Amino acid sequence: MPHLISPTDHRALSELPPATARQVLIIAGAAATSPELIAELRARLQRGAVRFHLVVPALNSRLRHWCSDTDQAVLTAQQRGDEARAVMAAHGIPLTVEIGDPVPWLAIDDALARFPADEILVATPPAHRSHRLEHHLVKMAGHRAGLPVDHVNAVHDARCAA
């Protein structure tokens, strides 16, 4: 699965606060524009210099994944990433965005190879509304990456955040 980072994202990485800033890797799908995530990121910005990098996994159904039909999943992830970038910018939150592997913990592994994070922030909808691959993501991310992991539970409908 190719990881799609536009040339503007590479420039945006250099325009963010210096590398001495705390680097937070965010993984989120439907919760990428939730009021809870926005509040968490704003609070972190108020505490000091921080760089945010959002990974939106191209989540897919089992059948489509098995058939290697990823087009719709990638398109949906790109739309979520674009929407998240716009919503966060409207709230004064600078971040870069990339579309990640359909398997969220693999998307984290891939992103960490390019973005040396100090911590991971996972934003998910409530368990009854989340994708099957998001259910154990917080525990798996901490175990695999060896970094501190925080979780934002997006209780509200993410579409209302804009």
N, C-alpha and C. Protein backbone atom coordinates (compact mmCIF):
# COMPACT_ATOMS: atom_id res chain seq x y z
N MET A 1 0.85 -1.18 0.00
CA MET A 1 0.00 0.00 0.00
C MET A 1 0.89 1.23 0.00
N PRO A 2 0.82 2.08 -0.97
CA PRO A 2 1.65 3.29 -0.99
C PRO A 2 1.19 4.26 0.09
N HIS A 3 2.14 4.96 0.64
CA HIS A 3 1.82 5.96 1.65
C HIS A 3 1.84 7.30 0.96
N LEU A 4 0.72 7.96 0.99
CA LEU A 4 0.54 9.16 0.21
C LEU A 4 0.79 10.40 1.05
N ILE A 5 1.90 11.04 0.82
CA ILE A 5 2.20 12.31 1.45
C ILE A 5 2.44 13.28 0.32
N SER A 6 1.66 14.32 0.28
CA SER A 6 1.81 15.28 -0.81
C SER A 6 3.05 16.13 -0.59
N PRO A 7 3.60 16.71 -1.64
CA PRO A 7 4.78 17.58 -1.50
C PRO A 7 4.54 18.72 -0.52
N THR A 8 3.31 19.20 -0.44
CA THR A 8 3.02 20.28 0.51
C THR A 8 3.16 19.81 1.94
N ASP A 9 2.90 18.54 2.20
CA ASP A 9 3.07 18.01 3.55
C ASP A 9 4.53 18.03 3.95
N HIS A 10 5.43 17.70 3.02
CA HIS A 10 6.85 17.72 3.33
C HIS A 10 7.29 19.13 3.68
N ARG A 11 6.80 20.12 2.94
CA ARG A 11 7.11 21.51 3.28
C ARG A 11 6.51 21.86 4.62
N ALA A 12 5.30 21.42 4.87
CA ALA A 12 4.62 21.75 6.12
C ALA A 12 5.38 21.18 7.31
N LEU A 13 6.00 20.01 7.16
CA LEU A 13 6.79 19.46 8.26
C LEU A 13 7.90 20.41 8.66
N SER A 14 8.54 21.07 7.68
CA SER A 14 9.63 21.98 7.99
C SER A 14 9.12 23.31 8.54
N GLU A 15 7.87 23.63 8.31
CA GLU A 15 7.31 24.89 8.78
C GLU A 15 6.74 24.78 10.19
N LEU A 16 6.65 23.58 10.72
CA LEU A 16 6.14 23.40 12.07
C LEU A 16 7.22 23.78 13.08
N PRO A 17 6.89 23.84 14.37
CA PRO A 17 7.88 24.21 15.38
C PRO A 17 9.14 23.35 15.27
N PRO A 18 10.27 23.83 15.79
CA PRO A 18 11.54 23.11 15.65
C PRO A 18 11.50 21.71 16.27
N ALA A 19 12.52 20.94 15.91
CA ALA A 19 12.57 19.54 16.34
C ALA A 19 12.64 19.39 17.86
N THR A 20 12.95 20.48 18.58
CA THR A 20 12.94 20.39 20.04
C THR A 20 11.52 20.30 20.57
N ALA A 21 10.56 20.55 19.71
CA ALA A 21 9.16 20.44 20.11
C ALA A 21 8.82 18.96 20.35
N ARG A 22 7.89 18.73 21.23
CA ARG A 22 7.40 17.37 21.46
C ARG A 22 6.72 16.91 20.17
N GLN A 23 6.99 15.70 19.73
CA GLN A 23 6.44 15.19 18.48
C GLN A 23 5.39 14.13 18.78
N VAL A 24 4.18 14.41 18.33
CA VAL A 24 3.04 13.53 18.62
C VAL A 24 2.49 12.97 17.33
N LEU A 25 2.50 11.65 17.24
CA LEU A 25 1.91 10.95 16.11
C LEU A 25 0.47 10.64 16.48
N ILE A 26 -0.45 11.10 15.66
CA ILE A 26 -1.88 10.88 15.90
C ILE A 26 -2.35 9.85 14.89
N ILE A 27 -3.11 8.88 15.37
CA ILE A 27 -3.74 7.92 14.46
C ILE A 27 -5.24 8.04 14.68
N ALA A 28 -5.94 8.33 13.58
CA ALA A 28 -7.39 8.52 13.69
C ALA A 28 -8.03 8.32 12.33
N GLY A 29 -9.20 7.78 12.35
CA GLY A 29 -10.00 7.64 11.14
C GLY A 29 -11.20 8.57 11.25
N ALA A 30 -12.35 8.00 11.56
CA ALA A 30 -13.57 8.78 11.67
C ALA A 30 -13.49 9.82 12.79
N ALA A 31 -12.62 9.61 13.76
CA ALA A 31 -12.50 10.54 14.89
C ALA A 31 -11.52 11.68 14.64
N ALA A 32 -11.01 11.79 13.43
CA ALA A 32 -9.97 12.77 13.12
C ALA A 32 -10.42 14.22 13.24
N THR A 33 -11.73 14.46 13.25
CA THR A 33 -12.23 15.83 13.40
C THR A 33 -13.13 15.97 14.62
N SER A 34 -13.02 15.05 15.53
CA SER A 34 -13.91 15.06 16.70
C SER A 34 -13.59 16.23 17.63
N PRO A 35 -14.61 16.75 18.31
CA PRO A 35 -14.38 17.82 19.28
C PRO A 35 -13.41 17.40 20.38
N GLU A 36 -13.44 16.13 20.74
CA GLU A 36 -12.55 15.65 21.79
C GLU A 36 -11.09 15.70 21.34
N LEU A 37 -10.82 15.32 20.11
CA LEU A 37 -9.45 15.38 19.59
C LEU A 37 -9.00 16.84 19.47
N ILE A 38 -9.86 17.69 18.95
CA ILE A 38 -9.53 19.11 18.83
C ILE A 38 -9.16 19.68 20.20
N ALA A 39 -9.97 19.39 21.21
CA ALA A 39 -9.70 19.89 22.57
C ALA A 39 -8.37 19.38 23.09
N GLU A 40 -8.08 18.12 22.86
CA GLU A 40 -6.82 17.53 23.32
C GLU A 40 -5.62 18.19 22.64
N LEU A 41 -5.69 18.40 21.35
CA LEU A 41 -4.58 19.01 20.63
C LEU A 41 -4.38 20.47 21.04
N ARG A 42 -5.47 21.19 21.24
CA ARG A 42 -5.36 22.58 21.69
C ARG A 42 -4.72 22.65 23.07
N ALA A 43 -5.09 21.74 23.95
CA ALA A 43 -4.51 21.71 25.30
C ALA A 43 -3.01 21.43 25.22
N ARG A 44 -2.61 20.54 24.35
CA ARG A 44 -1.19 20.23 24.20
C ARG A 44 -0.41 21.42 23.63
N LEU A 45 -1.01 22.15 22.72
CA LEU A 45 -0.36 23.34 22.17
C LEU A 45 -0.18 24.41 23.25
N GLN A 46 -1.13 24.51 24.15
CA GLN A 46 -1.03 25.50 25.23
C GLN A 46 0.08 25.16 26.22
N ARG A 47 0.43 23.88 26.32
CA ARG A 47 1.47 23.46 27.27
C ARG A 47 2.88 23.65 26.73
N GLY A 48 3.02 23.89 25.43
CA GLY A 48 4.36 24.09 24.87
C GLY A 48 4.45 23.70 23.42
N ALA A 49 5.67 23.80 22.88
CA ALA A 49 5.91 23.51 21.47
C ALA A 49 5.64 22.04 21.18
N VAL A 50 4.87 21.82 20.15
CA VAL A 50 4.51 20.46 19.77
C VAL A 50 4.32 20.39 18.26
N ARG A 51 4.72 19.26 17.68
CA ARG A 51 4.50 18.97 16.26
C ARG A 51 3.54 17.79 16.18
N PHE A 52 2.49 17.96 15.38
CA PHE A 52 1.50 16.89 15.20
C PHE A 52 1.59 16.32 13.80
N HIS A 53 1.53 15.01 13.71
CA HIS A 53 1.47 14.33 12.43
C HIS A 53 0.33 13.32 12.51
N LEU A 54 -0.67 13.49 11.67
CA LEU A 54 -1.86 12.64 11.66
C LEU A 54 -1.73 11.55 10.61
N VAL A 55 -1.98 10.33 11.02
CA VAL A 55 -2.04 9.20 10.10
C VAL A 55 -3.50 8.73 10.06
N VAL A 56 -4.05 8.70 8.85
CA VAL A 56 -5.40 8.22 8.65
C VAL A 56 -5.30 6.88 7.92
N PRO A 57 -5.55 5.78 8.64
CA PRO A 57 -5.47 4.47 7.97
C PRO A 57 -6.58 4.32 6.93
N ALA A 58 -6.26 3.67 5.84
CA ALA A 58 -7.24 3.40 4.79
C ALA A 58 -8.02 2.14 5.17
N LEU A 59 -8.86 2.27 6.20
CA LEU A 59 -9.61 1.13 6.73
C LEU A 59 -10.54 0.56 5.66
N ASN A 60 -10.64 -0.75 5.63
CA ASN A 60 -11.37 -1.43 4.58
C ASN A 60 -12.16 -2.58 5.17
N SER A 61 -13.15 -3.05 4.44
CA SER A 61 -13.88 -4.23 4.88
C SER A 61 -13.00 -5.46 4.63
N ARG A 62 -13.30 -6.54 5.33
CA ARG A 62 -12.52 -7.77 5.13
C ARG A 62 -12.59 -8.25 3.69
N LEU A 63 -13.79 -8.23 3.13
CA LEU A 63 -13.96 -8.72 1.77
C LEU A 63 -13.19 -7.86 0.77
N ARG A 64 -13.31 -6.55 0.87
CA ARG A 64 -12.59 -5.68 -0.06
C ARG A 64 -11.08 -5.82 0.12
N HIS A 65 -10.65 -5.96 1.37
CA HIS A 65 -9.21 -6.14 1.61
C HIS A 65 -8.73 -7.45 0.99
N TRP A 66 -9.49 -8.51 1.19
CA TRP A 66 -9.15 -9.82 0.66
C TRP A 66 -9.08 -9.79 -0.87
N CYS A 67 -9.95 -9.00 -1.50
CA CYS A 67 -9.98 -8.89 -2.97
C CYS A 67 -9.01 -7.83 -3.48
N SER A 68 -8.22 -7.25 -2.58
CA SER A 68 -7.28 -6.18 -2.94
C SER A 68 -7.99 -4.97 -3.55
N ASP A 69 -9.21 -4.74 -3.13
CA ASP A 69 -9.99 -3.60 -3.60
C ASP A 69 -9.83 -2.47 -2.57
N THR A 70 -8.82 -1.64 -2.76
CA THR A 70 -8.50 -0.60 -1.78
C THR A 70 -8.87 0.81 -2.23
N ASP A 71 -9.33 0.96 -3.45
CA ASP A 71 -9.56 2.30 -3.99
C ASP A 71 -10.49 3.14 -3.12
N GLN A 72 -11.63 2.59 -2.73
CA GLN A 72 -12.59 3.36 -1.93
C GLN A 72 -12.03 3.65 -0.55
N ALA A 73 -11.33 2.70 0.03
CA ALA A 73 -10.75 2.92 1.36
C ALA A 73 -9.71 4.04 1.33
N VAL A 74 -8.88 4.08 0.30
CA VAL A 74 -7.87 5.14 0.17
C VAL A 74 -8.55 6.48 -0.07
N LEU A 75 -9.56 6.50 -0.93
CA LEU A 75 -10.30 7.74 -1.20
C LEU A 75 -10.95 8.28 0.07
N THR A 76 -11.59 7.41 0.83
CA THR A 76 -12.23 7.82 2.09
C THR A 76 -11.18 8.36 3.06
N ALA A 77 -10.05 7.69 3.16
CA ALA A 77 -8.99 8.15 4.06
C ALA A 77 -8.44 9.51 3.60
N GLN A 78 -8.28 9.70 2.31
CA GLN A 78 -7.81 10.99 1.79
C GLN A 78 -8.80 12.10 2.12
N GLN A 79 -10.10 11.82 1.96
CA GLN A 79 -11.12 12.81 2.28
C GLN A 79 -11.09 13.15 3.77
N ARG A 80 -10.96 12.12 4.61
CA ARG A 80 -10.87 12.36 6.06
C ARG A 80 -9.63 13.18 6.40
N GLY A 81 -8.52 12.86 5.76
CA GLY A 81 -7.29 13.60 6.01
C GLY A 81 -7.41 15.06 5.59
N ASP A 82 -7.98 15.30 4.42
CA ASP A 82 -8.18 16.68 3.96
C ASP A 82 -9.12 17.44 4.89
N GLU A 83 -10.19 16.78 5.29
CA GLU A 83 -11.14 17.42 6.20
C GLU A 83 -10.48 17.72 7.54
N ALA A 84 -9.70 16.77 8.06
CA ALA A 84 -9.02 16.98 9.34
C ALA A 84 -8.04 18.13 9.26
N ARG A 85 -7.28 18.21 8.19
CA ARG A 85 -6.32 19.31 8.02
C ARG A 85 -7.05 20.65 8.03
N ALA A 86 -8.18 20.75 7.32
CA ALA A 86 -8.95 21.99 7.26
C ALA A 86 -9.57 22.34 8.61
N VAL A 87 -10.15 21.35 9.27
CA VAL A 87 -10.78 21.60 10.57
C VAL A 87 -9.74 22.02 11.60
N MET A 88 -8.61 21.32 11.62
CA MET A 88 -7.56 21.67 12.59
C MET A 88 -6.99 23.06 12.29
N ALA A 89 -6.80 23.39 11.02
CA ALA A 89 -6.30 24.72 10.67
C ALA A 89 -7.28 25.80 11.14
N ALA A 90 -8.57 25.53 11.00
CA ALA A 90 -9.58 26.48 11.45
C ALA A 90 -9.52 26.70 12.96
N HIS A 91 -9.00 25.71 13.68
CA HIS A 91 -8.86 25.80 15.14
C HIS A 91 -7.44 26.20 15.55
N GLY A 92 -6.61 26.58 14.58
CA GLY A 92 -5.26 27.02 14.89
C GLY A 92 -4.31 25.89 15.26
N ILE A 93 -4.59 24.70 14.76
CA ILE A 93 -3.78 23.53 15.07
C ILE A 93 -3.05 23.08 13.81
N PRO A 94 -1.73 23.34 13.74
CA PRO A 94 -0.99 22.90 12.55
C PRO A 94 -0.67 21.41 12.65
N LEU A 95 -0.87 20.71 11.55
CA LEU A 95 -0.49 19.30 11.50
C LEU A 95 -0.24 18.88 10.08
N THR A 96 0.50 17.82 9.94
CA THR A 96 0.70 17.20 8.65
C THR A 96 -0.12 15.92 8.64
N VAL A 97 -0.43 15.44 7.45
CA VAL A 97 -1.33 14.30 7.31
C VAL A 97 -0.74 13.32 6.31
N GLU A 98 -0.89 12.04 6.62
CA GLU A 98 -0.57 11.01 5.63
C GLU A 98 -1.63 9.93 5.69
N ILE A 99 -1.80 9.26 4.57
CA ILE A 99 -2.72 8.13 4.49
C ILE A 99 -1.91 6.88 4.77
N GLY A 100 -2.41 6.07 5.70
CA GLY A 100 -1.64 4.92 6.14
C GLY A 100 -2.21 3.59 5.70
N ASP A 101 -1.46 2.58 6.03
CA ASP A 101 -1.82 1.19 5.76
C ASP A 101 -3.22 0.90 6.32
N PRO A 102 -3.95 -0.02 5.71
CA PRO A 102 -5.27 -0.38 6.22
C PRO A 102 -5.23 -0.99 7.62
N VAL A 103 -4.11 -1.56 7.99
CA VAL A 103 -3.96 -2.12 9.34
C VAL A 103 -3.33 -1.02 10.20
N PRO A 104 -4.10 -0.47 11.15
CA PRO A 104 -3.64 0.71 11.89
C PRO A 104 -2.28 0.57 12.55
N TRP A 105 -1.97 -0.58 13.16
CA TRP A 105 -0.67 -0.68 13.83
C TRP A 105 0.48 -0.74 12.81
N LEU A 106 0.21 -1.23 11.60
CA LEU A 106 1.22 -1.17 10.55
C LEU A 106 1.37 0.27 10.04
N ALA A 107 0.27 1.00 9.99
CA ALA A 107 0.33 2.42 9.61
C ALA A 107 1.18 3.19 10.61
N ILE A 108 1.06 2.85 11.88
CA ILE A 108 1.88 3.49 12.92
C ILE A 108 3.35 3.16 12.70
N ASP A 109 3.65 1.89 12.49
CA ASP A 109 5.04 1.47 12.25
C ASP A 109 5.64 2.24 11.08
N ASP A 110 4.89 2.33 9.98
CA ASP A 110 5.38 3.03 8.80
C ASP A 110 5.62 4.51 9.08
N ALA A 111 4.67 5.14 9.77
CA ALA A 111 4.80 6.58 10.05
C ALA A 111 5.97 6.85 10.98
N LEU A 112 6.22 5.97 11.94
CA LEU A 112 7.33 6.18 12.88
C LEU A 112 8.69 6.11 12.17
N ALA A 113 8.74 5.45 11.04
CA ALA A 113 9.98 5.40 10.27
C ALA A 113 10.32 6.77 9.67
N ARG A 114 9.30 7.62 9.49
CA ARG A 114 9.51 8.95 8.90
C ARG A 114 9.32 10.08 9.90
N PHE A 115 8.60 9.85 10.95
CA PHE A 115 8.28 10.89 11.93
C PHE A 115 8.69 10.37 13.31
N PRO A 116 9.82 10.81 13.82
CA PRO A 116 10.31 10.29 15.11
C PRO A 116 9.50 10.83 16.29
N ALA A 117 8.40 10.18 16.55
CA ALA A 117 7.46 10.64 17.58
C ALA A 117 7.99 10.37 18.99
N ASP A 118 7.58 11.25 19.90
CA ASP A 118 7.83 11.06 21.33
C ASP A 118 6.69 10.30 21.98
N GLU A 119 5.53 10.38 21.36
CA GLU A 119 4.35 9.70 21.88
C GLU A 119 3.34 9.51 20.77
N ILE A 120 2.37 8.65 21.04
CA ILE A 120 1.31 8.35 20.09
C ILE A 120 -0.02 8.72 20.73
N LEU A 121 -0.87 9.33 19.95
CA LEU A 121 -2.22 9.67 20.39
C LEU A 121 -3.20 8.97 19.45
N VAL A 122 -4.01 8.10 20.02
CA VAL A 122 -4.98 7.34 19.24
C VAL A 122 -6.36 7.93 19.50
N ALA A 123 -7.06 8.30 18.45
CA ALA A 123 -8.43 8.81 18.57
C ALA A 123 -9.37 7.83 17.89
N THR A 124 -10.33 7.33 18.63
CA THR A 124 -11.28 6.37 18.08
C THR A 124 -12.70 6.75 18.47
N PRO A 125 -13.65 6.35 17.65
CA PRO A 125 -15.05 6.47 18.06
C PRO A 125 -15.31 5.47 19.18
N PRO A 126 -16.46 5.56 19.85
CA PRO A 126 -16.78 4.54 20.85
C PRO A 126 -16.71 3.15 20.23
N ALA A 127 -16.42 2.15 21.05
CA ALA A 127 -16.19 0.79 20.55
C ALA A 127 -17.33 0.28 19.67
N HIS A 128 -18.56 0.61 20.00
CA HIS A 128 -19.69 0.10 19.21
C HIS A 128 -19.77 0.73 17.82
N ARG A 129 -19.04 1.85 17.59
CA ARG A 129 -19.06 2.51 16.29
C ARG A 129 -17.72 2.45 15.57
N SER A 130 -16.71 1.86 16.19
CA SER A 130 -15.39 1.86 15.58
C SER A 130 -15.21 0.67 14.64
N HIS A 131 -14.24 0.81 13.77
CA HIS A 131 -13.87 -0.26 12.83
C HIS A 131 -13.26 -1.41 13.62
N ARG A 132 -13.44 -2.61 13.17
CA ARG A 132 -12.95 -3.79 13.89
C ARG A 132 -11.45 -3.71 14.19
N LEU A 133 -10.67 -3.09 13.30
CA LEU A 133 -9.23 -3.02 13.50
C LEU A 133 -8.82 -1.98 14.55
N GLU A 134 -9.76 -1.12 14.96
CA GLU A 134 -9.46 -0.09 15.95
C GLU A 134 -9.66 -0.58 17.39
N HIS A 135 -10.30 -1.71 17.58
CA HIS A 135 -10.72 -2.14 18.90
C HIS A 135 -9.58 -2.30 19.91
N HIS A 136 -8.47 -2.83 19.53
CA HIS A 136 -7.36 -3.06 20.46
C HIS A 136 -6.14 -2.21 20.10
N LEU A 137 -6.39 -1.14 19.39
CA LEU A 137 -5.30 -0.34 18.85
C LEU A 137 -4.45 0.33 19.93
N VAL A 138 -5.05 0.83 20.97
CA VAL A 138 -4.29 1.54 22.00
C VAL A 138 -3.27 0.59 22.65
N LYS A 139 -3.72 -0.57 23.03
CA LYS A 139 -2.83 -1.55 23.66
C LYS A 139 -1.76 -2.02 22.68
N MET A 140 -2.16 -2.30 21.46
CA MET A 140 -1.23 -2.80 20.44
C MET A 140 -0.20 -1.73 20.08
N ALA A 141 -0.62 -0.47 19.95
CA ALA A 141 0.30 0.60 19.58
C ALA A 141 1.39 0.76 20.62
N GLY A 142 1.04 0.77 21.89
CA GLY A 142 2.03 0.91 22.95
C GLY A 142 2.99 -0.26 22.99
N HIS A 143 2.46 -1.44 22.81
CA HIS A 143 3.28 -2.65 22.83
C HIS A 143 4.28 -2.67 21.67
N ARG A 144 3.81 -2.34 20.48
CA ARG A 144 4.66 -2.41 19.28
C ARG A 144 5.68 -1.28 19.21
N ALA A 145 5.27 -0.06 19.55
CA ALA A 145 6.13 1.10 19.35
C ALA A 145 7.05 1.39 20.53
N GLY A 146 6.69 0.92 21.70
CA GLY A 146 7.51 1.20 22.88
C GLY A 146 7.48 2.67 23.27
N LEU A 147 6.41 3.37 22.91
CA LEU A 147 6.24 4.78 23.24
C LEU A 147 5.01 4.95 24.12
N PRO A 148 4.95 6.07 24.85
CA PRO A 148 3.72 6.35 25.59
C PRO A 148 2.56 6.53 24.60
N VAL A 149 1.40 6.01 24.97
CA VAL A 149 0.22 6.10 24.12
C VAL A 149 -0.93 6.67 24.94
N ASP A 150 -1.55 7.72 24.42
CA ASP A 150 -2.77 8.27 25.01
C ASP A 150 -3.92 7.95 24.09
N HIS A 151 -5.12 7.94 24.66
CA HIS A 151 -6.32 7.62 23.89
C HIS A 151 -7.34 8.73 24.04
N VAL A 152 -7.90 9.15 22.94
CA VAL A 152 -9.02 10.09 22.94
C VAL A 152 -10.22 9.32 22.43
N ASN A 153 -11.24 9.23 23.28
CA ASN A 153 -12.47 8.56 22.91
C ASN A 153 -13.42 9.61 22.37
N ALA A 154 -13.67 9.58 21.09
CA ALA A 154 -14.53 10.57 20.44
C ALA A 154 -15.98 10.19 20.66
N VAL A 155 -16.57 10.73 21.68
CA VAL A 155 -17.95 10.41 22.03
C VAL A 155 -18.93 11.05 21.08
N HIS A 156 -18.63 12.28 20.65
CA HIS A 156 -19.54 13.02 19.78
C HIS A 156 -19.31 12.66 18.32
N ASP A 157 -20.30 12.93 17.52
CA ASP A 157 -20.22 12.68 16.08
C ASP A 157 -19.16 13.60 15.50
N ALA A 158 -18.14 13.05 14.89
CA ALA A 158 -17.03 13.82 14.35
C ALA A 158 -17.50 14.82 13.29
N ARG A 159 -18.58 14.57 12.61
CA ARG A 159 -19.05 15.49 11.57
C ARG A 159 -19.53 16.81 12.15
N CYS A 160 -19.79 16.87 13.44
CA CYS A 160 -20.27 18.10 14.07
C CYS A 160 -19.13 19.01 14.50
N ALA A 161 -17.89 18.57 14.34
CA ALA A 161 -16.75 19.34 14.85
C ALA A 161 -16.37 20.51 13.97
N ALA A 162 -16.71 20.49 12.72
CA ALA A 162 -16.29 21.55 11.80
C ALA A 162 -17.03 22.81 11.98
